[in-house]
């Protein structure tokens, strides 16, 4: 009896937007698809959906890529791309010892994504700072707390975030990815 590819993979698979079988516990470079990332992130809400209005991970990622240093912009755009395949776990849970399995799966997947897009596997400091400042801006503009009481809050940016529709976020993320990949190829 001939075994198929799924017999050799660890865990079960999810169906992606492009129709691929994606194995979250056994990610491989050929499984990563930019269109899957773009589509999923444009439909995923930040803050586990607890925003004053829909605000996508795709928009968040575009903003981070625009605010970090230019040489790190592609990393900034893709910094949350694991969420396209693993979804997100709210930070208070993700930090718990019981979630080590999720953090390890996320780290493995990010290493594969970095390989596909030829990025260093360590998040650049400019991306981390931009991500923290965008988070503070989002908390101020898009949550009922307006950012009050957040223990690790960075300084918010001096602009206000107006959420995009999923369709517009998808178009902006796609355009930004295309722009950054073209710059890299030049």
C-alpha atoms as a PDB file:
ATOM      1  CA  UNK A   1       0.000   0.000   0.000  1.00  0.00           C
ATOM      2  CA  UNK A   2       1.378   3.407  -1.011  1.00  0.00           C
ATOM      3  CA  UNK A   3       1.233   6.058   1.674  1.00  0.00           C
ATOM      4  CA  UNK A   4       0.320   9.586   0.686  1.00  0.00           C
ATOM      5  CA  UNK A   5       2.073  12.748   1.861  1.00  0.00           C
ATOM      6  CA  UNK A   6      -0.365  13.246   4.742  1.00  0.00           C
ATOM      7  CA  UNK A   7       0.788   9.925   6.263  1.00  0.00           C
ATOM      8  CA  UNK A   8       4.278  11.416   6.624  1.00  0.00           C
ATOM      9  CA  UNK A   9       3.242  14.717   8.194  1.00  0.00           C
ATOM     10  CA  UNK A  10       2.910  15.493  11.908  1.00  0.00           C
ATOM     11  CA  UNK A  11      -0.613  16.263  13.110  1.00  0.00           C
ATOM     12  CA  UNK A  12      -3.700  17.055  11.108  1.00  0.00           C
ATOM     13  CA  UNK A  13      -4.173  19.747   8.483  1.00  0.00           C
ATOM     14  CA  UNK A  14      -6.315  22.810   7.881  1.00  0.00           C
ATOM     15  CA  UNK A  15      -7.629  23.908   4.493  1.00  0.00           C
ATOM     16  CA  UNK A  16      -6.269  27.282   3.423  1.00  0.00           C
ATOM     17  CA  UNK A  17      -7.917  29.913   1.254  1.00  0.00           C
ATOM     18  CA  UNK A  18      -5.897  28.742  -1.761  1.00  0.00           C
ATOM     19  CA  UNK A  19      -7.025  25.153  -1.147  1.00  0.00           C
ATOM     20  CA  UNK A  20      -3.758  23.839   0.241  1.00  0.00           C
ATOM     21  CA  UNK A  21      -3.512  21.389   3.094  1.00  0.00           C
ATOM     22  CA  UNK A  22      -1.538  23.168   5.805  1.00  0.00           C
ATOM     23  CA  UNK A  23      -0.116  21.155   8.698  1.00  0.00           C
ATOM     24  CA  UNK A  24       0.266  23.580  11.639  1.00  0.00           C
ATOM     25  CA  UNK A  25       2.534  21.182  13.532  1.00  0.00           C
ATOM     26  CA  UNK A  26       4.675  20.379  10.491  1.00  0.00           C
ATOM     27  CA  UNK A  27       4.983  23.532   8.358  1.00  0.00           C
ATOM     28  CA  UNK A  28       7.079  23.365   5.213  1.00  0.00           C
ATOM     29  CA  UNK A  29       8.181  26.094   2.805  1.00  0.00           C
ATOM     30  CA  UNK A  30       5.980  24.764  -0.015  1.00  0.00           C
ATOM     31  CA  UNK A  31       2.935  25.209   2.256  1.00  0.00           C
ATOM     32  CA  UNK A  32       3.420  28.964   2.661  1.00  0.00           C
ATOM     33  CA  UNK A  33       1.379  31.053   0.250  1.00  0.00           C
ATOM     34  CA  UNK A  34       1.375  34.841   0.246  1.00  0.00           C
ATOM     35  CA  UNK A  35      -2.255  34.907  -0.882  1.00  0.00           C
ATOM     36  CA  UNK A  36      -3.259  32.726   2.062  1.00  0.00           C
ATOM     37  CA  UNK A  37      -1.477  35.101   4.435  1.00  0.00           C
ATOM     38  CA  UNK A  38      -3.045  38.189   2.838  1.00  0.00           C
ATOM     39  CA  UNK A  39      -6.561  36.737   2.792  1.00  0.00           C
ATOM     40  CA  UNK A  40      -6.508  35.363   6.325  1.00  0.00           C
ATOM     41  CA  UNK A  41      -4.949  38.426   7.979  1.00  0.00           C
ATOM     42  CA  UNK A  42      -7.413  40.766   6.280  1.00  0.00           C
ATOM     43  CA  UNK A  43     -10.259  38.771   7.852  1.00  0.00           C
ATOM     44  CA  UNK A  44      -8.739  38.363  11.343  1.00  0.00           C
ATOM     45  CA  UNK A  45      -9.558  40.968  13.963  1.00  0.00           C
ATOM     46  CA  UNK A  46      -7.011  42.367  16.377  1.00  0.00           C
ATOM     47  CA  UNK A  47      -7.615  42.049  20.133  1.00  0.00           C
ATOM     48  CA  UNK A  48      -9.492  38.774  19.687  1.00  0.00           C
ATOM     49  CA  UNK A  49     -12.335  40.815  18.187  1.00  0.00           C
ATOM     50  CA  UNK A  50     -12.679  43.119  21.202  1.00  0.00           C
ATOM     51  CA  UNK A  51     -12.297  46.364  19.250  1.00  0.00           C
ATOM     52  CA  UNK A  52     -14.796  49.184  19.022  1.00  0.00           C
ATOM     53  CA  UNK A  53     -15.097  48.240  15.336  1.00  0.00           C
ATOM     54  CA  UNK A  54     -13.541  45.620  13.071  1.00  0.00           C
ATOM     55  CA  UNK A  55      -9.808  46.195  12.735  1.00  0.00           C
ATOM     56  CA  UNK A  56      -7.734  43.616  10.881  1.00  0.00           C
ATOM     57  CA  UNK A  57      -4.353  42.100  11.564  1.00  0.00           C
ATOM     58  CA  UNK A  58      -3.544  42.971   7.934  1.00  0.00           C
ATOM     59  CA  UNK A  59      -4.006  46.701   8.606  1.00  0.00           C
ATOM     60  CA  UNK A  60      -1.954  46.411  11.783  1.00  0.00           C
ATOM     61  CA  UNK A  61       0.820  44.706   9.792  1.00  0.00           C
ATOM     62  CA  UNK A  62       0.824  47.345   7.051  1.00  0.00           C
ATOM     63  CA  UNK A  63       1.108  50.081   9.677  1.00  0.00           C
ATOM     64  CA  UNK A  64       3.990  48.321  11.431  1.00  0.00           C
ATOM     65  CA  UNK A  65       5.788  47.953   8.080  1.00  0.00           C
ATOM     66  CA  UNK A  66       5.370  51.666   7.406  1.00  0.00           C
ATOM     67  CA  UNK A  67       6.608  52.728  10.858  1.00  0.00           C
ATOM     68  CA  UNK A  68       9.648  50.467  11.287  1.00  0.00           C
ATOM     69  CA  UNK A  69      12.940  51.166   9.527  1.00  0.00           C
ATOM     70  CA  UNK A  70      12.832  50.784   5.746  1.00  0.00           C
ATOM     71  CA  UNK A  71      15.326  47.894   5.722  1.00  0.00           C
ATOM     72  CA  UNK A  72      13.030  45.980   8.132  1.00  0.00           C
ATOM     73  CA  UNK A  73       9.740  46.814   6.376  1.00  0.00           C
ATOM     74  CA  UNK A  74       9.180  43.330   4.942  1.00  0.00           C
ATOM     75  CA  UNK A  75       9.764  41.795   8.384  1.00  0.00           C
ATOM     76  CA  UNK A  76       7.332  44.355   9.786  1.00  0.00           C
ATOM     77  CA  UNK A  77       4.688  43.434   7.234  1.00  0.00           C
ATOM     78  CA  UNK A  78       5.057  39.715   7.929  1.00  0.00           C
ATOM     79  CA  UNK A  79       5.646  39.861  11.695  1.00  0.00           C
ATOM     80  CA  UNK A  80       2.183  38.443  12.512  1.00  0.00           C
ATOM     81  CA  UNK A  81       1.927  36.159   9.481  1.00  0.00           C
ATOM     82  CA  UNK A  82       1.833  33.042  11.666  1.00  0.00           C
ATOM     83  CA  UNK A  83      -1.667  34.154  12.673  1.00  0.00           C
ATOM     84  CA  UNK A  84      -2.825  33.362   9.129  1.00  0.00           C
ATOM     85  CA  UNK A  85      -2.277  29.693   9.935  1.00  0.00           C
ATOM     86  CA  UNK A  86      -2.420  29.423  13.744  1.00  0.00           C
ATOM     87  CA  UNK A  87      -4.816  32.274  14.566  1.00  0.00           C
ATOM     88  CA  UNK A  88      -3.786  34.321  17.576  1.00  0.00           C
ATOM     89  CA  UNK A  89      -3.935  33.700  21.268  1.00  0.00           C
ATOM     90  CA  UNK A  90      -4.477  36.741  23.524  1.00  0.00           C
ATOM     91  CA  UNK A  91      -1.178  37.796  25.092  1.00  0.00           C
ATOM     92  CA  UNK A  92      -2.124  37.027  28.730  1.00  0.00           C
ATOM     93  CA  UNK A  93      -2.754  33.402  27.732  1.00  0.00           C
ATOM     94  CA  UNK A  94       0.127  33.107  25.281  1.00  0.00           C
ATOM     95  CA  UNK A  95       2.583  34.058  28.039  1.00  0.00           C
ATOM     96  CA  UNK A  96       1.356  31.286  30.375  1.00  0.00           C
ATOM     97  CA  UNK A  97       3.593  28.236  30.843  1.00  0.00           C
ATOM     98  CA  UNK A  98       0.715  26.037  29.658  1.00  0.00           C
ATOM     99  CA  UNK A  99       0.939  27.647  26.206  1.00  0.00           C
ATOM    100  CA  UNK A 100       4.540  26.602  25.534  1.00  0.00           C
ATOM    101  CA  UNK A 101       3.250  24.213  22.848  1.00  0.00           C
ATOM    102  CA  UNK A 102       1.580  27.106  20.975  1.00  0.00           C
ATOM    103  CA  UNK A 103       4.653  29.343  21.309  1.00  0.00           C
ATOM    104  CA  UNK A 104       6.880  26.556  19.960  1.00  0.00           C
ATOM    105  CA  UNK A 105       4.529  25.938  17.006  1.00  0.00           C
ATOM    106  CA  UNK A 106       4.471  29.676  16.311  1.00  0.00           C
ATOM    107  CA  UNK A 107       8.276  29.881  16.456  1.00  0.00           C
ATOM    108  CA  UNK A 108       8.690  26.901  14.068  1.00  0.00           C
ATOM    109  CA  UNK A 109       6.206  28.393  11.637  1.00  0.00           C
ATOM    110  CA  UNK A 110       7.809  31.852  11.750  1.00  0.00           C
ATOM    111  CA  UNK A 111      11.195  30.269  10.964  1.00  0.00           C
ATOM    112  CA  UNK A 112       9.665  28.620   7.876  1.00  0.00           C
ATOM    113  CA  UNK A 113       8.004  31.905   6.804  1.00  0.00           C
ATOM    114  CA  UNK A 114      11.303  33.757   7.289  1.00  0.00           C
ATOM    115  CA  UNK A 115      13.004  31.158   5.117  1.00  0.00           C
ATOM    116  CA  UNK A 116      10.433  31.538   2.354  1.00  0.00           C
ATOM    117  CA  UNK A 117      10.771  35.335   2.329  1.00  0.00           C
ATOM    118  CA  UNK A 118      14.553  35.284   2.961  1.00  0.00           C
ATOM    119  CA  UNK A 119      14.358  37.122   6.279  1.00  0.00           C
ATOM    120  CA  UNK A 120      16.499  36.748   9.382  1.00  0.00           C
ATOM    121  CA  UNK A 121      14.668  34.649  11.961  1.00  0.00           C
ATOM    122  CA  UNK A 122      15.140  37.173  14.771  1.00  0.00           C
ATOM    123  CA  UNK A 123      12.654  40.040  14.824  1.00  0.00           C
ATOM    124  CA  UNK A 124      14.534  43.321  14.228  1.00  0.00           C
ATOM    125  CA  UNK A 125      14.393  45.889  17.059  1.00  0.00           C
ATOM    126  CA  UNK A 126      12.766  48.493  14.783  1.00  0.00           C
ATOM    127  CA  UNK A 127       9.882  46.076  14.116  1.00  0.00           C
ATOM    128  CA  UNK A 128       9.447  45.328  17.814  1.00  0.00           C
ATOM    129  CA  UNK A 129       9.347  49.060  18.649  1.00  0.00           C
ATOM    130  CA  UNK A 130       6.932  49.894  15.816  1.00  0.00           C
ATOM    131  CA  UNK A 131       4.708  46.966  16.859  1.00  0.00           C
ATOM    132  CA  UNK A 132       4.615  48.194  20.473  1.00  0.00           C
ATOM    133  CA  UNK A 133       3.851  51.782  19.450  1.00  0.00           C
ATOM    134  CA  UNK A 134       1.140  50.677  17.000  1.00  0.00           C
ATOM    135  CA  UNK A 135      -0.326  48.537  19.808  1.00  0.00           C
ATOM    136  CA  UNK A 136      -0.446  51.599  22.063  1.00  0.00           C
ATOM    137  CA  UNK A 137      -2.080  53.613  19.274  1.00  0.00           C
ATOM    138  CA  UNK A 138      -4.615  50.836  18.638  1.00  0.00           C
ATOM    139  CA  UNK A 139      -5.418  50.552  22.343  1.00  0.00           C
ATOM    140  CA  UNK A 140      -6.008  54.302  22.494  1.00  0.00           C
ATOM    141  CA  UNK A 141      -8.094  54.497  19.330  1.00  0.00           C
ATOM    142  CA  UNK A 142      -9.873  51.142  19.090  1.00  0.00           C
ATOM    143  CA  UNK A 143     -10.601  49.799  22.581  1.00  0.00           C
ATOM    144  CA  UNK A 144     -13.016  50.877  25.266  1.00  0.00           C
ATOM    145  CA  UNK A 145     -10.068  51.287  27.689  1.00  0.00           C
ATOM    146  CA  UNK A 146      -8.451  53.864  25.395  1.00  0.00           C
ATOM    147  CA  UNK A 147      -5.171  52.256  26.465  1.00  0.00           C
ATOM    148  CA  UNK A 148      -5.571  53.078  30.178  1.00  0.00           C
ATOM    149  CA  UNK A 149      -4.196  50.422  32.531  1.00  0.00           C
ATOM    150  CA  UNK A 150      -2.015  48.600  29.993  1.00  0.00           C
ATOM    151  CA  UNK A 151       1.164  47.754  31.920  1.00  0.00           C
ATOM    152  CA  UNK A 152       3.658  47.588  29.054  1.00  0.00           C
ATOM    153  CA  UNK A 153       2.396  50.457  26.975  1.00  0.00           C
ATOM    154  CA  UNK A 154       4.811  52.260  24.666  1.00  0.00           C
ATOM    155  CA  UNK A 155       4.235  55.819  23.479  1.00  0.00           C
ATOM    156  CA  UNK A 156       1.405  55.899  20.912  1.00  0.00           C
ATOM    157  CA  UNK A 157       1.948  57.525  17.537  1.00  0.00           C
ATOM    158  CA  UNK A 158       0.537  61.001  16.927  1.00  0.00           C
ATOM    159  CA  UNK A 159      -1.903  59.818  14.255  1.00  0.00           C
ATOM    160  CA  UNK A 160      -5.302  58.190  14.762  1.00  0.00           C
ATOM    161  CA  UNK A 161      -6.194  54.819  13.285  1.00  0.00           C
ATOM    162  CA  UNK A 162      -9.272  54.592  11.079  1.00  0.00           C
ATOM    163  CA  UNK A 163     -10.076  50.914  10.444  1.00  0.00           C
ATOM    164  CA  UNK A 164     -10.147  49.610   6.889  1.00  0.00           C
ATOM    165  CA  UNK A 165     -12.634  47.123   5.489  1.00  0.00           C
ATOM    166  CA  UNK A 166     -11.301  43.584   5.010  1.00  0.00           C
ATOM    167  CA  UNK A 167     -11.294  44.134   1.238  1.00  0.00           C
ATOM    168  CA  UNK A 168      -9.295  47.358   1.504  1.00  0.00           C
ATOM    169  CA  UNK A 169      -6.879  45.817   4.042  1.00  0.00           C
ATOM    170  CA  UNK A 170      -6.363  42.911   1.660  1.00  0.00           C
ATOM    171  CA  UNK A 171      -5.567  45.291  -1.211  1.00  0.00           C
ATOM    172  CA  UNK A 172      -3.200  47.425   0.896  1.00  0.00           C
ATOM    173  CA  UNK A 173      -1.349  44.409   2.338  1.00  0.00           C
ATOM    174  CA  UNK A 174      -1.022  42.891  -1.132  1.00  0.00           C
ATOM    175  CA  UNK A 175       0.271  46.144  -2.617  1.00  0.00           C
ATOM    176  CA  UNK A 176       2.758  46.618   0.225  1.00  0.00           C
ATOM    177  CA  UNK A 177       4.046  43.055  -0.106  1.00  0.00           C
ATOM    178  CA  UNK A 178       4.437  43.481  -3.864  1.00  0.00           C
ATOM    179  CA  UNK A 179       6.238  46.822  -3.392  1.00  0.00           C
ATOM    180  CA  UNK A 180       8.678  45.398  -0.823  1.00  0.00           C
ATOM    181  CA  UNK A 181       9.416  42.269  -2.842  1.00  0.00           C
ATOM    182  CA  UNK A 182      10.080  44.388  -5.948  1.00  0.00           C
ATOM    183  CA  UNK A 183      12.481  46.625  -3.986  1.00  0.00           C
ATOM    184  CA  UNK A 184      14.319  43.579  -2.740  1.00  0.00           C
ATOM    185  CA  UNK A 185      14.620  42.142  -6.261  1.00  0.00           C
ATOM    186  CA  UNK A 186      16.012  45.405  -7.674  1.00  0.00           C
END
